[in-house]
Amino acid sequence: MTPSSYEALITALEAAAQQNDWPRVMQIDAQLNLQLQQQARNLQDAARAALRSRYLRVMAQGRARLETLRLQLAQYQAQRYGRQAYSLFDAETGEEA
């Protein structure tokens, strides 16, 4: 695999992450992983370092997005529990919400 092929894969990986297309990120990641396992020794140190840096940025984007989603889910759950409690209170008192 040529350095330009790695460049194309990492560029596609970055684009998929920017678009929040996480299934595509996983697919490209698997392709990249396979290629690196098969031919990493052919990659020069500078190219390997650049590839690693860009890859780590994409993975950081993924972790940040995951944390954002976790926080949103926790906030939603807290609001849901609050709404349920309020609904139960209204049902017990006979008042309409």
N, C-alpha and C. Protein backbone atom coordinates (compact mmCIF):
# COMPACT_ATOMS: atom_id res chain seq x y z
N MET A 1 0.86 -1.18 0.00
CA MET A 1 0.00 0.00 0.00
C MET A 1 0.90 1.23 0.00
N THR A 2 0.59 2.17 -0.84
CA THR A 2 1.40 3.38 -0.97
C THR A 2 1.01 4.39 0.09
N PRO A 3 1.92 5.33 0.38
CA PRO A 3 1.57 6.38 1.35
C PRO A 3 0.31 7.15 0.96
N SER A 4 0.09 7.32 -0.35
CA SER A 4 -1.12 8.03 -0.77
C SER A 4 -2.38 7.22 -0.45
N SER A 5 -2.27 5.89 -0.44
CA SER A 5 -3.41 5.06 -0.06
C SER A 5 -3.74 5.24 1.41
N TYR A 6 -2.70 5.30 2.24
CA TYR A 6 -2.92 5.57 3.66
C TYR A 6 -3.52 6.95 3.84
N GLU A 7 -3.02 7.89 3.07
CA GLU A 7 -3.53 9.27 3.12
C GLU A 7 -5.02 9.30 2.78
N ALA A 8 -5.40 8.55 1.75
CA ALA A 8 -6.81 8.50 1.35
C ALA A 8 -7.67 7.90 2.46
N LEU A 9 -7.18 6.84 3.10
CA LEU A 9 -7.95 6.21 4.17
C LEU A 9 -8.08 7.13 5.38
N ILE A 10 -7.00 7.77 5.77
CA ILE A 10 -7.07 8.63 6.96
C ILE A 10 -7.90 9.87 6.68
N THR A 11 -7.86 10.37 5.44
CA THR A 11 -8.71 11.50 5.06
C THR A 11 -10.18 11.10 5.10
N ALA A 12 -10.48 9.90 4.61
CA ALA A 12 -11.86 9.40 4.66
C ALA A 12 -12.30 9.19 6.11
N LEU A 13 -11.38 8.72 6.95
CA LEU A 13 -11.67 8.54 8.37
C LEU A 13 -12.01 9.88 9.04
N GLU A 14 -11.21 10.89 8.74
CA GLU A 14 -11.45 12.23 9.30
C GLU A 14 -12.79 12.77 8.82
N ALA A 15 -13.09 12.60 7.54
CA ALA A 15 -14.35 13.10 6.99
C ALA A 15 -15.54 12.41 7.63
N ALA A 16 -15.46 11.11 7.80
CA ALA A 16 -16.56 10.36 8.42
C ALA A 16 -16.77 10.82 9.87
N ALA A 17 -15.69 11.08 10.58
CA ALA A 17 -15.80 11.56 11.97
C ALA A 17 -16.43 12.95 12.01
N GLN A 18 -16.04 13.80 11.08
CA GLN A 18 -16.63 15.15 11.01
C GLN A 18 -18.13 15.10 10.78
N GLN A 19 -18.56 14.09 10.02
CA GLN A 19 -19.98 13.93 9.69
C GLN A 19 -20.73 13.10 10.72
N ASN A 20 -20.02 12.72 11.79
CA ASN A 20 -20.60 11.86 12.83
C ASN A 20 -21.14 10.55 12.24
N ASP A 21 -20.47 10.06 11.23
CA ASP A 21 -20.84 8.79 10.59
C ASP A 21 -20.00 7.69 11.23
N TRP A 22 -20.38 7.30 12.45
CA TRP A 22 -19.56 6.39 13.24
C TRP A 22 -19.53 4.97 12.67
N PRO A 23 -20.57 4.47 12.04
CA PRO A 23 -20.42 3.17 11.38
C PRO A 23 -19.35 3.21 10.28
N ARG A 24 -19.32 4.31 9.54
CA ARG A 24 -18.30 4.47 8.48
C ARG A 24 -16.91 4.59 9.11
N VAL A 25 -16.80 5.31 10.22
CA VAL A 25 -15.51 5.41 10.92
C VAL A 25 -15.01 4.02 11.29
N MET A 26 -15.90 3.20 11.81
CA MET A 26 -15.51 1.85 12.20
C MET A 26 -15.07 1.02 10.99
N GLN A 27 -15.77 1.19 9.88
CA GLN A 27 -15.42 0.46 8.66
C GLN A 27 -14.04 0.88 8.15
N ILE A 28 -13.81 2.17 8.08
CA ILE A 28 -12.52 2.66 7.58
C ILE A 28 -11.41 2.29 8.56
N ASP A 29 -11.70 2.38 9.85
CA ASP A 29 -10.73 2.00 10.86
C ASP A 29 -10.30 0.55 10.68
N ALA A 30 -11.26 -0.32 10.40
CA ALA A 30 -10.94 -1.74 10.18
C ALA A 30 -10.06 -1.90 8.94
N GLN A 31 -10.37 -1.16 7.87
CA GLN A 31 -9.55 -1.23 6.66
C GLN A 31 -8.13 -0.76 6.94
N LEU A 32 -8.03 0.35 7.63
CA LEU A 32 -6.73 0.93 7.96
C LEU A 32 -5.93 -0.03 8.84
N ASN A 33 -6.59 -0.60 9.82
CA ASN A 33 -5.94 -1.55 10.71
C ASN A 33 -5.40 -2.75 9.94
N LEU A 34 -6.20 -3.28 9.05
CA LEU A 34 -5.79 -4.43 8.25
C LEU A 34 -4.57 -4.09 7.38
N GLN A 35 -4.63 -2.94 6.73
CA GLN A 35 -3.52 -2.53 5.87
C GLN A 35 -2.24 -2.33 6.68
N LEU A 36 -2.38 -1.74 7.84
CA LEU A 36 -1.20 -1.51 8.68
C LEU A 36 -0.62 -2.83 9.19
N GLN A 37 -1.47 -3.77 9.52
CA GLN A 37 -0.98 -5.07 9.97
C GLN A 37 -0.21 -5.77 8.85
N GLN A 38 -0.68 -5.62 7.65
CA GLN A 38 -0.07 -6.32 6.52
C GLN A 38 1.19 -5.63 6.01
N GLN A 39 1.22 -4.29 6.06
CA GLN A 39 2.30 -3.59 5.38
C GLN A 39 2.92 -2.45 6.17
N ALA A 40 2.79 -2.43 7.46
CA ALA A 40 3.31 -1.31 8.25
C ALA A 40 4.82 -1.16 8.11
N ARG A 41 5.52 -2.25 7.91
CA ARG A 41 6.98 -2.16 7.81
C ARG A 41 7.42 -1.36 6.58
N ASN A 42 6.55 -1.22 5.60
CA ASN A 42 6.87 -0.47 4.39
C ASN A 42 6.66 1.04 4.57
N LEU A 43 6.10 1.44 5.68
CA LEU A 43 5.78 2.84 5.91
C LEU A 43 6.94 3.51 6.63
N GLN A 44 7.39 4.63 6.12
CA GLN A 44 8.51 5.36 6.72
C GLN A 44 8.10 5.94 8.06
N ASP A 45 9.07 6.17 8.92
CA ASP A 45 8.80 6.66 10.28
C ASP A 45 8.04 7.98 10.28
N ALA A 46 8.41 8.92 9.42
CA ALA A 46 7.73 10.21 9.38
C ALA A 46 6.27 10.04 8.95
N ALA A 47 6.05 9.21 7.95
CA ALA A 47 4.69 8.97 7.48
C ALA A 47 3.88 8.26 8.55
N ARG A 48 4.50 7.31 9.26
CA ARG A 48 3.82 6.59 10.34
C ARG A 48 3.43 7.56 11.46
N ALA A 49 4.33 8.48 11.80
CA ALA A 49 4.05 9.45 12.87
C ALA A 49 2.91 10.39 12.47
N ALA A 50 2.91 10.83 11.22
CA ALA A 50 1.84 11.71 10.76
C ALA A 50 0.50 10.99 10.76
N LEU A 51 0.51 9.76 10.30
CA LEU A 51 -0.70 8.94 10.28
C LEU A 51 -1.22 8.73 11.70
N ARG A 52 -0.32 8.42 12.60
CA ARG A 52 -0.70 8.20 14.00
C ARG A 52 -1.31 9.46 14.61
N SER A 53 -0.72 10.60 14.34
CA SER A 53 -1.23 11.86 14.88
C SER A 53 -2.64 12.14 14.39
N ARG A 54 -2.86 11.98 13.11
CA ARG A 54 -4.20 12.22 12.55
C ARG A 54 -5.20 11.20 13.08
N TYR A 55 -4.77 9.95 13.21
CA TYR A 55 -5.63 8.90 13.74
C TYR A 55 -6.04 9.21 15.17
N LEU A 56 -5.09 9.64 15.98
CA LEU A 56 -5.39 9.97 17.38
C LEU A 56 -6.37 11.14 17.48
N ARG A 57 -6.27 12.10 16.57
CA ARG A 57 -7.24 13.21 16.56
C ARG A 57 -8.64 12.71 16.28
N VAL A 58 -8.78 11.80 15.34
CA VAL A 58 -10.10 11.24 15.02
C VAL A 58 -10.64 10.47 16.22
N MET A 59 -9.80 9.69 16.85
CA MET A 59 -10.26 8.93 18.02
C MET A 59 -10.65 9.87 19.16
N ALA A 60 -9.95 10.99 19.32
CA ALA A 60 -10.31 11.98 20.33
C ALA A 60 -11.68 12.59 20.01
N GLN A 61 -11.94 12.83 18.73
CA GLN A 61 -13.26 13.32 18.31
C GLN A 61 -14.34 12.32 18.70
N GLY A 62 -14.07 11.07 18.47
CA GLY A 62 -15.03 10.02 18.81
C GLY A 62 -15.29 9.97 20.31
N ARG A 63 -14.23 10.05 21.10
CA ARG A 63 -14.41 10.04 22.56
C ARG A 63 -15.18 11.27 23.03
N ALA A 64 -14.90 12.42 22.45
CA ALA A 64 -15.60 13.65 22.83
C ALA A 64 -17.09 13.54 22.47
N ARG A 65 -17.38 13.01 21.30
CA ARG A 65 -18.78 12.85 20.88
C ARG A 65 -19.50 11.86 21.80
N LEU A 66 -18.82 10.78 22.15
CA LEU A 66 -19.40 9.79 23.06
C LEU A 66 -19.70 10.42 24.42
N GLU A 67 -18.79 11.23 24.92
CA GLU A 67 -19.02 11.88 26.22
C GLU A 67 -20.18 12.86 26.14
N THR A 68 -20.29 13.58 25.04
CA THR A 68 -21.42 14.50 24.84
C THR A 68 -22.73 13.73 24.85
N LEU A 69 -22.76 12.61 24.15
CA LEU A 69 -23.97 11.79 24.11
C LEU A 69 -24.30 11.21 25.48
N ARG A 70 -23.28 10.82 26.22
CA ARG A 70 -23.52 10.31 27.58
C ARG A 70 -24.15 11.38 28.47
N LEU A 71 -23.61 12.59 28.38
CA LEU A 71 -24.15 13.69 29.17
C LEU A 71 -25.58 14.02 28.77
N GLN A 72 -25.85 14.03 27.47
CA GLN A 72 -27.21 14.31 27.00
C GLN A 72 -28.18 13.23 27.47
N LEU A 73 -27.74 11.98 27.43
CA LEU A 73 -28.59 10.89 27.88
C LEU A 73 -28.86 11.00 29.38
N ALA A 74 -27.84 11.31 30.15
CA ALA A 74 -28.02 11.46 31.60
C ALA A 74 -28.97 12.61 31.90
N GLN A 75 -28.84 13.70 31.16
CA GLN A 75 -29.72 14.85 31.35
C GLN A 75 -31.16 14.47 30.98
N TYR A 76 -31.32 13.77 29.90
CA TYR A 76 -32.64 13.33 29.48
C TYR A 76 -33.27 12.42 30.54
N GLN A 77 -32.48 11.48 31.06
CA GLN A 77 -32.99 10.56 32.08
C GLN A 77 -33.41 11.34 33.33
N ALA A 78 -32.60 12.30 33.75
CA ALA A 78 -32.94 13.09 34.93
C ALA A 78 -34.23 13.88 34.70
N GLN A 79 -34.38 14.45 33.53
CA GLN A 79 -35.61 15.19 33.22
C GLN A 79 -36.80 14.25 33.15
N ARG A 80 -36.58 13.07 32.62
CA ARG A 80 -37.66 12.09 32.51
C ARG A 80 -38.14 11.67 33.89
N TYR A 81 -37.21 11.41 34.78
CA TYR A 81 -37.59 11.03 36.15
C TYR A 81 -38.34 12.18 36.83
N GLY A 82 -37.89 13.38 36.59
CA GLY A 82 -38.56 14.55 37.16
C GLY A 82 -39.98 14.69 36.63
N ARG A 83 -40.14 14.51 35.33
CA ARG A 83 -41.48 14.60 34.74
C ARG A 83 -42.38 13.49 35.27
N GLN A 84 -41.84 12.28 35.43
CA GLN A 84 -42.63 11.18 35.96
C GLN A 84 -43.07 11.46 37.39
N ALA A 85 -42.16 11.97 38.20
CA ALA A 85 -42.49 12.28 39.59
C ALA A 85 -43.56 13.37 39.64
N TYR A 86 -43.40 14.38 38.82
CA TYR A 86 -44.37 15.47 38.79
C TYR A 86 -45.74 14.94 38.35
N SER A 87 -45.73 14.05 37.35
CA SER A 87 -46.97 13.45 36.86
C SER A 87 -47.65 12.64 37.95
N LEU A 88 -46.88 11.87 38.70
CA LEU A 88 -47.44 11.08 39.81
C LEU A 88 -48.00 11.99 40.89
N PHE A 89 -47.29 13.08 41.18
CA PHE A 89 -47.76 14.01 42.20
C PHE A 89 -49.10 14.63 41.76
N ASP A 90 -49.17 15.03 40.50
CA ASP A 90 -50.41 15.60 39.97
C ASP A 90 -51.56 14.58 40.02
N ALA A 91 -51.25 13.33 39.72
CA ALA A 91 -52.29 12.29 39.73
C ALA A 91 -52.80 12.08 41.15
N GLU A 92 -51.91 12.15 42.15
CA GLU A 92 -52.31 11.95 43.53
C GLU A 92 -53.13 13.12 44.08
N THR A 93 -52.81 14.32 43.64
CA THR A 93 -53.50 15.49 44.15
C THR A 93 -54.75 15.82 43.34
N GLY A 94 -54.89 15.19 42.18
CA GLY A 94 -56.05 15.42 41.34
C GLY A 94 -55.95 16.68 40.51
N GLU A 95 -54.79 17.30 40.49
CA GLU A 95 -54.60 18.52 39.68
C GLU A 95 -54.14 18.12 38.29
N GLU A 96 -54.46 18.97 37.34
CA GLU A 96 -54.01 18.74 35.96
C GLU A 96 -52.69 19.46 35.76
N ALA A 97 -51.84 18.84 35.00
CA ALA A 97 -50.53 19.45 34.71
C ALA A 97 -50.65 20.46 33.60
